[in-house]
Amino acid sequence: MIRLHRLGGSEHEFDLNPDLVLTVESTPDTVVTLTTGTKLVVAESPDSVTAAVREWRVGVLERALKR
């Protein structure tokens, strides 16, 4: 899971399953579109969201290869 913050303040944080992320756009707010069609407006930049997804996937692969 990756931790994101809904636009509007850090008190609106939530965890998201990165497997659900379809696209990340800057419109100029960052909009994360999920495979379900849901759109989330988040405080993080598109680069930050992409980096979090990438880091999560690398972690999954590292743990799988250690077995």
Protein backbone atom coordinates (compact mmCIF):
# COMPACT_ATOMS: atom_id res chain seq x y z
CA MET A 1 0.00 0.00 0.00
CA ILE A 2 1.08 3.57 -0.59
CA ARG A 3 0.06 6.48 1.65
CA LEU A 4 -1.50 9.50 -0.07
CA HIS A 5 -3.30 12.63 1.11
CA ARG A 6 -6.56 13.92 -0.30
CA LEU A 7 -6.24 17.49 -1.46
CA GLY A 8 -7.18 19.75 1.41
CA GLY A 9 -4.86 18.74 4.21
CA SER A 10 -2.70 16.08 5.76
CA GLU A 11 -5.54 14.96 8.03
CA HIS A 12 -7.15 13.37 4.97
CA GLU A 13 -4.51 10.67 4.47
CA PHE A 14 -5.36 7.23 3.16
CA ASP A 15 -3.64 4.08 1.93
CA LEU A 16 -4.09 2.98 -1.66
CA ASN A 17 -3.40 -0.36 -3.32
CA PRO A 18 -0.94 0.58 -6.10
CA ASP A 19 -2.28 -2.23 -8.29
CA LEU A 20 -5.43 -0.13 -8.74
CA VAL A 21 -3.60 2.89 -10.21
CA LEU A 22 -4.32 3.29 -13.92
CA THR A 23 -3.12 6.85 -14.59
CA VAL A 24 -1.68 9.84 -12.73
CA GLU A 25 -2.34 13.26 -14.26
CA SER A 26 -1.64 16.89 -13.43
CA THR A 27 -4.68 19.05 -14.29
CA PRO A 28 -3.10 21.19 -12.46
CA ASP A 29 -4.13 19.20 -9.36
CA THR A 30 -2.88 15.63 -9.25
CA VAL A 31 -5.64 13.23 -10.30
CA VAL A 32 -5.15 9.50 -9.77
CA THR A 33 -7.50 7.38 -11.87
CA LEU A 34 -8.09 3.85 -10.64
CA THR A 35 -8.86 0.74 -12.67
CA THR A 36 -12.37 0.95 -11.20
CA GLY A 37 -12.92 4.34 -12.86
CA THR A 38 -12.74 6.22 -9.56
CA LYS A 39 -10.78 9.48 -9.69
CA LEU A 40 -8.93 10.73 -6.62
CA VAL A 41 -7.53 14.26 -6.26
CA VAL A 42 -4.42 14.10 -4.09
CA ALA A 43 -1.95 16.58 -2.60
CA GLU A 44 1.15 14.74 -3.85
CA SER A 45 2.74 15.60 -7.18
CA PRO A 46 2.43 13.15 -10.08
CA ASP A 47 6.16 12.41 -9.71
CA SER A 48 5.69 11.58 -6.01
CA VAL A 49 2.79 9.23 -6.71
CA THR A 50 4.71 7.52 -9.51
CA ALA A 51 7.79 7.15 -7.28
CA ALA A 52 5.70 5.66 -4.46
CA VAL A 53 4.15 3.10 -6.83
CA ARG A 54 7.58 2.26 -8.26
CA GLU A 55 9.14 1.84 -4.79
CA TRP A 56 6.26 -0.39 -3.70
CA ARG A 57 6.66 -2.61 -6.78
CA VAL A 58 10.43 -2.85 -6.28
CA GLY A 59 9.82 -3.91 -2.67
CA VAL A 60 7.39 -6.61 -3.76
CA LEU A 61 9.88 -7.97 -6.30
CA GLU A 62 12.78 -7.87 -3.83
CA ARG A 63 10.80 -9.86 -1.26
CA ALA A 64 9.71 -12.38 -3.91
CA LEU A 65 13.28 -12.92 -5.14
CA LYS A 66 14.59 -13.55 -1.61
CA ARG A 67 12.44 -16.66 -1.25
